Each structure stands twice: as C-alpha cells, then as structure tokens.
Amino acid sequence: MSGYQRRALVASPTAQAQAARASLADAWDWCTIEEADVVIALGGDGFMLQTLHTLLDMRRANVPVFGMNLGTVGFLMNEWRQHDLEERLSNARAFKVTPLLMTATGIDGRVHTIPAINEVSLLRETRQTAKLEVRVNDRVVLEELACDGILVATPAGSTAYNLSAHGPILPLGSAMIALTPISAFRPRRWRGAILPDKARVALRVLDPGKRPVSAVADQREIRDVAQVDISIDRARELTLLFDPEHALDDRITMEQFVA
C-alpha cells in the first residue's frame, strides 16, 4: 500500500485526459481535493501548474501531486499508465518545489499578490520597448533595461520559458533563481544573472504610460503594472511525486545536454 488513503483524481478538459480519467474512475474510491492526502493529475504541464495553484489557493500546499502526461511536453509529469498506479505511488520519489511570490502594483495603485511555481515574467504590452529599473536587495543593479521583458525563474521553471529566453538551467536544490532578460536591447550584452534564492528582486517600470508592461505569474496576468516585487515564498512549499526512473532532478540536469 502507498500510504495515501484519500486520493483525488483531476484531469484537463482535453478528450485524451477525460478518457483516461474515465478509465480510472472505478479503480479506487476517489475523494475531492479538499479531502485528499494525494492528488492524481492527468494532463500536461499547464494543467499541472493549474492543479498546484488550486492547492495553493485552497491552502493545501502540503498535499503531494502525482501527474501523468496526457499533454504535449509533460516535463512535470510521469508517463501515463493505469495498471500499476498503486505500486508507483508506493515507490514514488518526492521533490519539494518552492514557489515565488509576486507582488504587482498597478499604475492605478492596486496591489496584487500571486504565487508563481515556474516564473514571474514582465512583458511589454505594445510595440514600444519596455524600459525597466532592476533592483536586487534594494540596490539598483540596472538603471535602465530596454527590452521586450524580463523574468525570474525557479529551478523547477528554469527549463520552461526561462530556457527559451536563453536563461540558465538551475538544478533542483541549487538554492538559486534566474534573472533573465527577454530580447534585451540595452545594455545589449547583458545576458542575465543567477541569484541566491534569498534575493529580493524589484522591477520598476519606467514611463508606464507610454510603455505599458504586464506581469505574469505562471498563467495569471496583471496588466499595466508600475512595479513588481519578487521573492521566494518559503511558507508554501509544494510536493511533486515522480517515478524513480523519471525523477525531476535528473530530468532538469539532463536538459543541459539536449542538443
């Protein structure tokens, strides 16, 4: 027995994921997420992030999630199989993922506080290049960054948007975060920074009226921001479960050798 007695089953709305959910419906006596001590998530990486955010919103970050890939990439997911799920849960390796906390202040003065598991990104809203002041631990490190945007990524998210923006891959347990520009124009040669995960990053939008910027925490967007403050949220650590041969730390490491 896996030790998880109360199991919730959730699936993305795609036909493939819903068919898989139907095939598992009679396997166990499923419960709701509110009652569960483990969640089985069927879908892709986007649906995994959605499930983790649901747990954060419900203040149930301590509930582990075992995902099975019925999406596209499935980096945060295990292989889809239905016949040996009990054994897989018993043998699964647990990995802790610490989210970021984004505090975005709009040009209207409203403050939005949202967690991010993969990354927080700032993106220009119009054809106008974004201009940002970058501060780390209250120290101005870039007086003006002209760019399409910038992002802060966790190790778990370093192989996602961050990698596409030519940011570094951060191994799990590295206690680092990545600060990566998106199409930087000035300073042209700045390629980003790797910071201790204790660092506090503040991004101030210069001339937000002429050059509006949005802030995105994973899948949640706030338009027309004036400033965004980002730090690690150690109070809401999440747990992902993986098959031993499909462990997240090894997958992140091996991404460094993908041609």
C-alpha atoms as a PDB file:
ATOM      1  CA  MET A   1       0.000   0.000   0.000  1.00  0.00           C
ATOM      2  CA  SER A   2       1.209   3.515  -0.815  1.00  0.00           C
ATOM      3  CA  GLY A   3       0.107   5.070   2.460  1.00  0.00           C
ATOM      4  CA  TYR A   4      -2.147   7.521   0.631  1.00  0.00           C
ATOM      5  CA  GLN A   5      -5.656   6.563   1.624  1.00  0.00           C
ATOM      6  CA  ARG A   6      -7.630   9.562   0.369  1.00  0.00           C
ATOM      7  CA  ARG A   7      -6.955  10.148  -3.312  1.00  0.00           C
ATOM      8  CA  ALA A   8      -8.347  12.822  -5.614  1.00  0.00           C
ATOM      9  CA  LEU A   9      -8.401  12.464  -9.395  1.00  0.00           C
ATOM     10  CA  VAL A  10      -8.327  15.562 -11.610  1.00  0.00           C
ATOM     11  CA  ALA A  11      -7.935  15.857 -15.381  1.00  0.00           C
ATOM     12  CA  SER A  12      -7.560  18.552 -18.011  1.00  0.00           C
ATOM     13  CA  PRO A  13     -10.586  19.115 -20.268  1.00  0.00           C
ATOM     14  CA  THR A  14      -8.933  17.535 -23.333  1.00  0.00           C
ATOM     15  CA  ALA A  15     -10.582  14.432 -24.802  1.00  0.00           C
ATOM     16  CA  GLN A  16      -7.497  12.303 -24.107  1.00  0.00           C
ATOM     17  CA  ALA A  17      -7.285  13.299 -20.443  1.00  0.00           C
ATOM     18  CA  GLN A  18     -11.026  12.865 -19.913  1.00  0.00           C
ATOM     19  CA  ALA A  19     -10.909   9.381 -21.461  1.00  0.00           C
ATOM     20  CA  ALA A  20      -8.052   8.462 -19.129  1.00  0.00           C
ATOM     21  CA  ARG A  21      -9.996   9.799 -16.171  1.00  0.00           C
ATOM     22  CA  ALA A  22     -12.971   7.639 -17.131  1.00  0.00           C
ATOM     23  CA  SER A  23     -10.713   4.563 -17.330  1.00  0.00           C
ATOM     24  CA  LEU A  24      -9.517   5.202 -13.755  1.00  0.00           C
ATOM     25  CA  ALA A  25     -12.897   6.151 -12.312  1.00  0.00           C
ATOM     26  CA  ASP A  26     -13.644   2.687 -10.915  1.00  0.00           C
ATOM     27  CA  ALA A  27     -10.104   1.870  -9.803  1.00  0.00           C
ATOM     28  CA  TRP A  28     -10.461   3.468  -6.343  1.00  0.00           C
ATOM     29  CA  ASP A  29     -12.927   5.323  -4.221  1.00  0.00           C
ATOM     30  CA  TRP A  30     -11.894   8.836  -5.203  1.00  0.00           C
ATOM     31  CA  CYS A  31     -12.473  11.866  -2.995  1.00  0.00           C
ATOM     32  CA  THR A  32     -12.413  15.630  -3.521  1.00  0.00           C
ATOM     33  CA  ILE A  33      -9.231  17.718  -3.401  1.00  0.00           C
ATOM     34  CA  GLU A  34     -10.484  19.216  -0.138  1.00  0.00           C
ATOM     35  CA  GLU A  35     -10.348  15.750   1.475  1.00  0.00           C
ATOM     36  CA  ALA A  36      -7.347  14.232  -0.320  1.00  0.00           C
ATOM     37  CA  ASP A  37      -3.920  13.353   1.008  1.00  0.00           C
ATOM     38  CA  VAL A  38      -2.640  12.886  -2.577  1.00  0.00           C
ATOM     39  CA  VAL A  39      -3.796  14.203  -5.964  1.00  0.00           C
ATOM     40  CA  ILE A  40      -3.501  12.324  -9.270  1.00  0.00           C
ATOM     41  CA  ALA A  41      -3.389  14.867 -12.126  1.00  0.00           C
ATOM     42  CA  LEU A  42      -3.924  13.870 -15.758  1.00  0.00           C
ATOM     43  CA  GLY A  43      -2.843  16.328 -18.443  1.00  0.00           C
ATOM     44  CA  GLY A  44       0.181  18.364 -19.456  1.00  0.00           C
ATOM     45  CA  ASP A  45       2.499  20.783 -17.700  1.00  0.00           C
ATOM     46  CA  GLY A  46      -0.038  23.606 -17.947  1.00  0.00           C
ATOM     47  CA  PHE A  47      -2.627  21.525 -16.161  1.00  0.00           C
ATOM     48  CA  MET A  48      -0.077  20.530 -13.509  1.00  0.00           C
ATOM     49  CA  LEU A  49       0.582  24.216 -12.805  1.00  0.00           C
ATOM     50  CA  GLN A  50      -3.158  24.814 -12.634  1.00  0.00           C
ATOM     51  CA  THR A  51      -3.544  21.962 -10.126  1.00  0.00           C
ATOM     52  CA  LEU A  52      -0.698  23.250  -7.962  1.00  0.00           C
ATOM     53  CA  HIS A  53      -2.178  26.747  -7.971  1.00  0.00           C
ATOM     54  CA  THR A  54      -5.523  25.275  -6.920  1.00  0.00           C
ATOM     55  CA  LEU A  55      -3.817  23.677  -3.920  1.00  0.00           C
ATOM     56  CA  LEU A  56      -2.104  26.970  -3.083  1.00  0.00           C
ATOM     57  CA  ASP A  57      -5.409  28.830  -3.294  1.00  0.00           C
ATOM     58  CA  MET A  58      -7.008  26.229  -1.009  1.00  0.00           C
ATOM     59  CA  ARG A  59      -4.081  26.453   1.442  1.00  0.00           C
ATOM     60  CA  ARG A  60      -3.376  22.765   0.831  1.00  0.00           C
ATOM     61  CA  ALA A  61       0.201  23.093  -0.440  1.00  0.00           C
ATOM     62  CA  ASN A  62       1.210  20.127   1.740  1.00  0.00           C
ATOM     63  CA  VAL A  63      -0.794  17.686  -0.434  1.00  0.00           C
ATOM     64  CA  PRO A  64       1.550  15.911  -2.927  1.00  0.00           C
ATOM     65  CA  VAL A  65       0.670  15.615  -6.618  1.00  0.00           C
ATOM     66  CA  PHE A  66       1.452  12.689  -8.921  1.00  0.00           C
ATOM     67  CA  GLY A  67       0.986  13.776 -12.521  1.00  0.00           C
ATOM     68  CA  MET A  68       0.655  11.608 -15.626  1.00  0.00           C
ATOM     69  CA  ASN A  69       1.328  13.088 -19.031  1.00  0.00           C
ATOM     70  CA  LEU A  70      -1.602  13.360 -21.383  1.00  0.00           C
ATOM     71  CA  GLY A  71      -0.477  16.662 -22.830  1.00  0.00           C
ATOM     72  CA  THR A  72       2.439  17.753 -25.019  1.00  0.00           C
ATOM     73  CA  VAL A  73       5.785  18.114 -23.233  1.00  0.00           C
ATOM     74  CA  GLY A  74       4.941  16.765 -19.811  1.00  0.00           C
ATOM     75  CA  PHE A  75       8.163  17.848 -18.141  1.00  0.00           C
ATOM     76  CA  LEU A  76       6.464  17.941 -14.734  1.00  0.00           C
ATOM     77  CA  MET A  77       4.576  14.711 -15.364  1.00  0.00           C
ATOM     78  CA  ASN A  78       5.161  10.974 -15.233  1.00  0.00           C
ATOM     79  CA  GLU A  79       4.373   8.552 -18.041  1.00  0.00           C
ATOM     80  CA  TRP A  80       0.699   7.701 -18.475  1.00  0.00           C
ATOM     81  CA  ARG A  81      -0.044   4.152 -17.333  1.00  0.00           C
ATOM     82  CA  GLN A  82      -3.094   2.968 -15.451  1.00  0.00           C
ATOM     83  CA  HIS A  83      -2.392  -0.621 -14.471  1.00  0.00           C
ATOM     84  CA  ASP A  84       0.243  -0.191 -11.725  1.00  0.00           C
ATOM     85  CA  LEU A  85      -0.672   3.116 -10.098  1.00  0.00           C
ATOM     86  CA  GLU A  86      -0.721   1.722  -6.538  1.00  0.00           C
ATOM     87  CA  GLU A  87       2.835   0.415  -6.868  1.00  0.00           C
ATOM     88  CA  ARG A  88       4.024   3.633  -8.491  1.00  0.00           C
ATOM     89  CA  LEU A  89       2.660   5.732  -5.636  1.00  0.00           C
ATOM     90  CA  SER A  90       4.398   3.426  -3.135  1.00  0.00           C
ATOM     91  CA  ASN A  91       7.753   3.820  -4.907  1.00  0.00           C
ATOM     92  CA  ALA A  92       7.464   7.476  -5.934  1.00  0.00           C
ATOM     93  CA  ARG A  93      10.181   9.969  -5.057  1.00  0.00           C
ATOM     94  CA  ALA A  94       9.059  13.265  -3.561  1.00  0.00           C
ATOM     95  CA  PHE A  95      10.506  16.576  -4.715  1.00  0.00           C
ATOM     96  CA  LYS A  96       9.909  19.897  -2.984  1.00  0.00           C
ATOM     97  CA  VAL A  97       9.197  22.933  -5.136  1.00  0.00           C
ATOM     98  CA  THR A  98       9.289  26.381  -3.555  1.00  0.00           C
ATOM     99  CA  PRO A  99       7.214  28.971  -5.416  1.00  0.00           C
ATOM    100  CA  LEU A 100       7.913  32.621  -5.992  1.00  0.00           C
ATOM    101  CA  LEU A 101       5.644  35.319  -4.622  1.00  0.00           C
ATOM    102  CA  MET A 102       4.848  38.191  -6.979  1.00  0.00           C
ATOM    103  CA  THR A 103       3.574  41.471  -5.580  1.00  0.00           C
ATOM    104  CA  ALA A 104       2.497  43.620  -8.519  1.00  0.00           C
ATOM    105  CA  THR A 105       1.466  47.225  -8.041  1.00  0.00           C
ATOM    106  CA  GLY A 106      -0.602  48.646 -10.882  1.00  0.00           C
ATOM    107  CA  ILE A 107      -0.417  52.174 -12.190  1.00  0.00           C
ATOM    108  CA  ASP A 108      -3.842  52.572 -10.551  1.00  0.00           C
ATOM    109  CA  GLY A 109      -2.271  51.802  -7.159  1.00  0.00           C
ATOM    110  CA  ARG A 110      -3.946  48.411  -6.735  1.00  0.00           C
ATOM    111  CA  VAL A 111      -1.726  45.662  -5.314  1.00  0.00           C
ATOM    112  CA  HIS A 112      -1.942  42.042  -6.499  1.00  0.00           C
ATOM    113  CA  THR A 113      -0.157  39.195  -4.685  1.00  0.00           C
ATOM    114  CA  ILE A 114       0.131  35.960  -6.697  1.00  0.00           C
ATOM    115  CA  PRO A 115       2.379  32.872  -6.356  1.00  0.00           C
ATOM    116  CA  ALA A 116       4.383  31.506  -9.282  1.00  0.00           C
ATOM    117  CA  ILE A 117       5.773  27.985  -9.496  1.00  0.00           C
ATOM    118  CA  ASN A 118       7.739  28.344 -12.737  1.00  0.00           C
ATOM    119  CA  GLU A 119       8.400  32.028 -13.267  1.00  0.00           C
ATOM    120  CA  VAL A 120       7.301  35.622 -12.987  1.00  0.00           C
ATOM    121  CA  SER A 121       7.667  37.499 -16.266  1.00  0.00           C
ATOM    122  CA  LEU A 122       7.241  41.134 -17.245  1.00  0.00           C
ATOM    123  CA  LEU A 123       6.230  41.709 -20.869  1.00  0.00           C
ATOM    124  CA  ARG A 124       5.730  44.814 -22.983  1.00  0.00           C
ATOM    125  CA  GLU A 125       2.103  45.329 -23.982  1.00  0.00           C
ATOM    126  CA  THR A 126       2.630  47.362 -27.164  1.00  0.00           C
ATOM    127  CA  ARG A 127       5.140  47.881 -29.943  1.00  0.00           C
ATOM    128  CA  GLN A 128       7.053  50.187 -27.596  1.00  0.00           C
ATOM    129  CA  THR A 129      10.118  48.651 -25.953  1.00  0.00           C
ATOM    130  CA  ALA A 130       9.747  48.218 -22.200  1.00  0.00           C
ATOM    131  CA  LYS A 131      12.122  50.194 -20.005  1.00  0.00           C
ATOM    132  CA  LEU A 132      12.742  48.820 -16.522  1.00  0.00           C
ATOM    133  CA  GLU A 133      14.800  49.636 -13.477  1.00  0.00           C
ATOM    134  CA  VAL A 134      16.171  46.462 -11.882  1.00  0.00           C
ATOM    135  CA  ARG A 135      16.927  46.270  -8.168  1.00  0.00           C
ATOM    136  CA  VAL A 136      18.292  43.338  -6.167  1.00  0.00           C
ATOM    137  CA  ASN A 137      18.064  43.549  -2.364  1.00  0.00           C
ATOM    138  CA  ASP A 138      17.200  47.263  -2.592  1.00  0.00           C
ATOM    139  CA  ARG A 139      20.293  48.006  -4.675  1.00  0.00           C
ATOM    140  CA  VAL A 140      19.872  49.345  -8.217  1.00  0.00           C
ATOM    141  CA  VAL A 141      21.827  46.972 -10.473  1.00  0.00           C
ATOM    142  CA  LEU A 142      20.458  48.250 -13.803  1.00  0.00           C
ATOM    143  CA  GLU A 143      19.235  51.839 -14.025  1.00  0.00           C
ATOM    144  CA  GLU A 144      17.526  51.199 -17.349  1.00  0.00           C
ATOM    145  CA  LEU A 145      16.963  47.893 -19.129  1.00  0.00           C
ATOM    146  CA  ALA A 146      15.386  48.326 -22.583  1.00  0.00           C
ATOM    147  CA  CYS A 147      13.829  45.020 -23.565  1.00  0.00           C
ATOM    148  CA  ASP A 148      10.766  43.045 -24.572  1.00  0.00           C
ATOM    149  CA  GLY A 149      10.622  41.863 -20.968  1.00  0.00           C
ATOM    150  CA  ILE A 150      12.377  40.091 -18.127  1.00  0.00           C
ATOM    151  CA  LEU A 151      11.659  37.045 -15.998  1.00  0.00           C
ATOM    152  CA  VAL A 152      12.581  35.484 -12.682  1.00  0.00           C
ATOM    153  CA  ALA A 153      12.566  31.671 -12.727  1.00  0.00           C
ATOM    154  CA  THR A 154      12.770  28.954 -10.082  1.00  0.00           C
ATOM    155  CA  PRO A 155      14.870  25.806 -10.650  1.00  0.00           C
ATOM    156  CA  ALA A 156      11.664  23.890 -11.470  1.00  0.00           C
ATOM    157  CA  GLY A 157      10.776  26.532 -14.046  1.00  0.00           C
ATOM    158  CA  SER A 158      14.275  27.102 -15.402  1.00  0.00           C
ATOM    159  CA  THR A 159      13.721  24.615 -18.259  1.00  0.00           C
ATOM    160  CA  ALA A 160      10.487  26.303 -19.379  1.00  0.00           C
ATOM    161  CA  TYR A 161      10.116  29.926 -20.595  1.00  0.00           C
ATOM    162  CA  ASN A 162      13.458  30.781 -18.985  1.00  0.00           C
ATOM    163  CA  LEU A 163      15.330  28.288 -21.164  1.00  0.00           C
ATOM    164  CA  SER A 164      13.524  29.514 -24.293  1.00  0.00           C
ATOM    165  CA  ALA A 165      14.770  33.019 -23.425  1.00  0.00           C
ATOM    166  CA  HIS A 166      18.336  31.617 -23.232  1.00  0.00           C
ATOM    167  CA  GLY A 167      18.396  31.625 -19.431  1.00  0.00           C
ATOM    168  CA  PRO A 168      20.417  29.108 -17.398  1.00  0.00           C
ATOM    169  CA  ILE A 169      19.205  25.697 -16.270  1.00  0.00           C
ATOM    170  CA  LEU A 170      19.199  25.562 -12.460  1.00  0.00           C
ATOM    171  CA  PRO A 171      19.424  22.142 -10.781  1.00  0.00           C
ATOM    172  CA  LEU A 172      16.888  21.383  -8.081  1.00  0.00           C
ATOM    173  CA  GLY A 173      18.396  22.101  -4.683  1.00  0.00           C
ATOM    174  CA  SER A 174      20.750  24.735  -6.111  1.00  0.00           C
ATOM    175  CA  ALA A 175      19.144  27.453  -3.917  1.00  0.00           C
ATOM    176  CA  MET A 176      19.312  29.818  -6.878  1.00  0.00           C
ATOM    177  CA  ILE A 177      16.898  31.779  -9.059  1.00  0.00           C
ATOM    178  CA  ALA A 178      17.462  33.013 -12.600  1.00  0.00           C
ATOM    179  CA  LEU A 179      17.019  36.624 -13.674  1.00  0.00           C
ATOM    180  CA  THR A 180      16.750  36.519 -17.469  1.00  0.00           C
ATOM    181  CA  PRO A 181      16.107  39.339 -19.958  1.00  0.00           C
ATOM    182  CA  ILE A 182      13.795  38.803 -22.934  1.00  0.00           C
ATOM    183  CA  SER A 183      15.248  40.314 -26.123  1.00  0.00           C
ATOM    184  CA  ALA A 184      17.352  42.911 -24.320  1.00  0.00           C
ATOM    185  CA  PHE A 185      18.193  45.948 -26.456  1.00  0.00           C
ATOM    186  CA  ARG A 186      20.184  47.959 -23.908  1.00  0.00           C
ATOM    187  CA  PRO A 187      22.504  47.030 -22.319  1.00  0.00           C
ATOM    188  CA  ARG A 188      22.926  44.806 -25.362  1.00  0.00           C
ATOM    189  CA  ARG A 189      25.467  42.433 -23.843  1.00  0.00           C
ATOM    190  CA  TRP A 190      23.646  41.760 -20.571  1.00  0.00           C
ATOM    191  CA  ARG A 191      22.557  38.121 -20.556  1.00  0.00           C
ATOM    192  CA  GLY A 192      21.015  37.951 -17.096  1.00  0.00           C
ATOM    193  CA  ALA A 193      22.130  36.809 -13.664  1.00  0.00           C
ATOM    194  CA  ILE A 194      21.956  33.849 -11.301  1.00  0.00           C
ATOM    195  CA  LEU A 195      20.982  34.979  -7.814  1.00  0.00           C
ATOM    196  CA  PRO A 196      20.742  33.299  -4.407  1.00  0.00           C
ATOM    197  CA  ASP A 197      17.135  32.345  -3.726  1.00  0.00           C
ATOM    198  CA  LYS A 198      17.203  34.655  -0.710  1.00  0.00           C
ATOM    199  CA  ALA A 199      17.466  37.620  -3.071  1.00  0.00           C
ATOM    200  CA  ARG A 200      14.613  40.098  -3.412  1.00  0.00           C
ATOM    201  CA  VAL A 201      14.083  41.385  -6.927  1.00  0.00           C
ATOM    202  CA  ALA A 202      12.224  44.641  -7.642  1.00  0.00           C
ATOM    203  CA  LEU A 203      11.351  45.684 -11.191  1.00  0.00           C
ATOM    204  CA  ARG A 204      10.130  49.261 -11.692  1.00  0.00           C
ATOM    205  CA  VAL A 205       8.513  50.235 -14.972  1.00  0.00           C
ATOM    206  CA  LEU A 206       9.936  53.458 -16.372  1.00  0.00           C
ATOM    207  CA  ASP A 207       7.318  55.570 -18.179  1.00  0.00           C
ATOM    208  CA  PRO A 208       4.448  53.065 -17.754  1.00  0.00           C
ATOM    209  CA  GLY A 209       2.006  55.387 -19.512  1.00  0.00           C
ATOM    210  CA  LYS A 210       3.928  55.415 -22.799  1.00  0.00           C
ATOM    211  CA  ARG A 211       5.478  51.953 -22.430  1.00  0.00           C
ATOM    212  CA  PRO A 212       2.900  49.766 -20.621  1.00  0.00           C
ATOM    213  CA  VAL A 213       4.009  46.445 -19.151  1.00  0.00           C
ATOM    214  CA  SER A 214       2.109  43.404 -17.901  1.00  0.00           C
ATOM    215  CA  ALA A 215       3.251  40.990 -15.190  1.00  0.00           C
ATOM    216  CA  VAL A 216       2.560  37.256 -15.461  1.00  0.00           C
ATOM    217  CA  ALA A 217       2.883  34.756 -12.600  1.00  0.00           C
ATOM    218  CA  ASP A 218       2.787  31.403 -14.410  1.00  0.00           C
ATOM    219  CA  GLN A 219      -0.626  31.664 -16.089  1.00  0.00           C
ATOM    220  CA  ARG A 220      -2.023  34.713 -14.273  1.00  0.00           C
ATOM    221  CA  GLU A 221      -1.574  38.149 -15.817  1.00  0.00           C
ATOM    222  CA  ILE A 222      -1.833  41.626 -14.326  1.00  0.00           C
ATOM    223  CA  ARG A 223      -1.949  44.419 -16.907  1.00  0.00           C
ATOM    224  CA  ASP A 224      -0.457  47.911 -16.642  1.00  0.00           C
ATOM    225  CA  VAL A 225       1.912  47.436 -13.717  1.00  0.00           C
ATOM    226  CA  ALA A 226       4.116  50.125 -12.197  1.00  0.00           C
ATOM    227  CA  GLN A 227       6.329  47.896 -10.055  1.00  0.00           C
ATOM    228  CA  VAL A 228       6.740  44.187  -9.385  1.00  0.00           C
ATOM    229  CA  ASP A 229       8.466  42.737  -6.310  1.00  0.00           C
ATOM    230  CA  ILE A 230       9.524  39.081  -6.396  1.00  0.00           C
ATOM    231  CA  SER A 231      10.881  36.766  -3.713  1.00  0.00           C
ATOM    232  CA  ILE A 232      10.800  33.099  -2.755  1.00  0.00           C
ATOM    233  CA  ASP A 233       7.762  32.099  -0.686  1.00  0.00           C
ATOM    234  CA  ARG A 234       9.123  29.532   1.752  1.00  0.00           C
ATOM    235  CA  ALA A 235       5.844  29.278   3.641  1.00  0.00           C
ATOM    236  CA  ARG A 236       4.097  27.454   0.781  1.00  0.00           C
ATOM    237  CA  GLU A 237       6.373  24.620  -0.333  1.00  0.00           C
ATOM    238  CA  LEU A 238       4.786  22.156  -2.776  1.00  0.00           C
ATOM    239  CA  THR A 239       5.481  18.445  -3.308  1.00  0.00           C
ATOM    240  CA  LEU A 240       5.622  16.624  -6.650  1.00  0.00           C
ATOM    241  CA  LEU A 241       5.832  12.820  -6.877  1.00  0.00           C
ATOM    242  CA  PHE A 242       7.834  11.060  -9.598  1.00  0.00           C
ATOM    243  CA  ASP A 243       8.637   7.538 -10.671  1.00  0.00           C
ATOM    244  CA  PRO A 244      12.253   6.769  -9.644  1.00  0.00           C
ATOM    245  CA  GLU A 245      13.311   6.380 -13.280  1.00  0.00           C
ATOM    246  CA  HIS A 246      11.611   9.666 -14.209  1.00  0.00           C
ATOM    247  CA  ALA A 247      12.835  11.869 -11.356  1.00  0.00           C
ATOM    248  CA  LEU A 248      12.575  15.630 -11.787  1.00  0.00           C
ATOM    249  CA  ASP A 249      16.103  16.449 -10.603  1.00  0.00           C
ATOM    250  CA  ASP A 250      17.640  14.085 -13.156  1.00  0.00           C
ATOM    251  CA  ARG A 251      15.433  15.419 -15.967  1.00  0.00           C
ATOM    252  CA  ILE A 252      16.484  19.002 -15.208  1.00  0.00           C
ATOM    253  CA  THR A 253      20.172  18.020 -15.131  1.00  0.00           C
ATOM    254  CA  MET A 254      19.972  16.119 -18.421  1.00  0.00           C
ATOM    255  CA  GLU A 255      18.329  19.078 -20.164  1.00  0.00           C
ATOM    256  CA  GLN A 256      21.795  20.650 -20.173  1.00  0.00           C
ATOM    257  CA  PHE A 257      22.909  18.001 -22.677  1.00  0.00           C
ATOM    258  CA  VAL A 258      19.983  18.202 -25.086  1.00  0.00           C
ATOM    259  CA  ALA A 259      21.238  19.354 -28.477  1.00  0.00           C
END
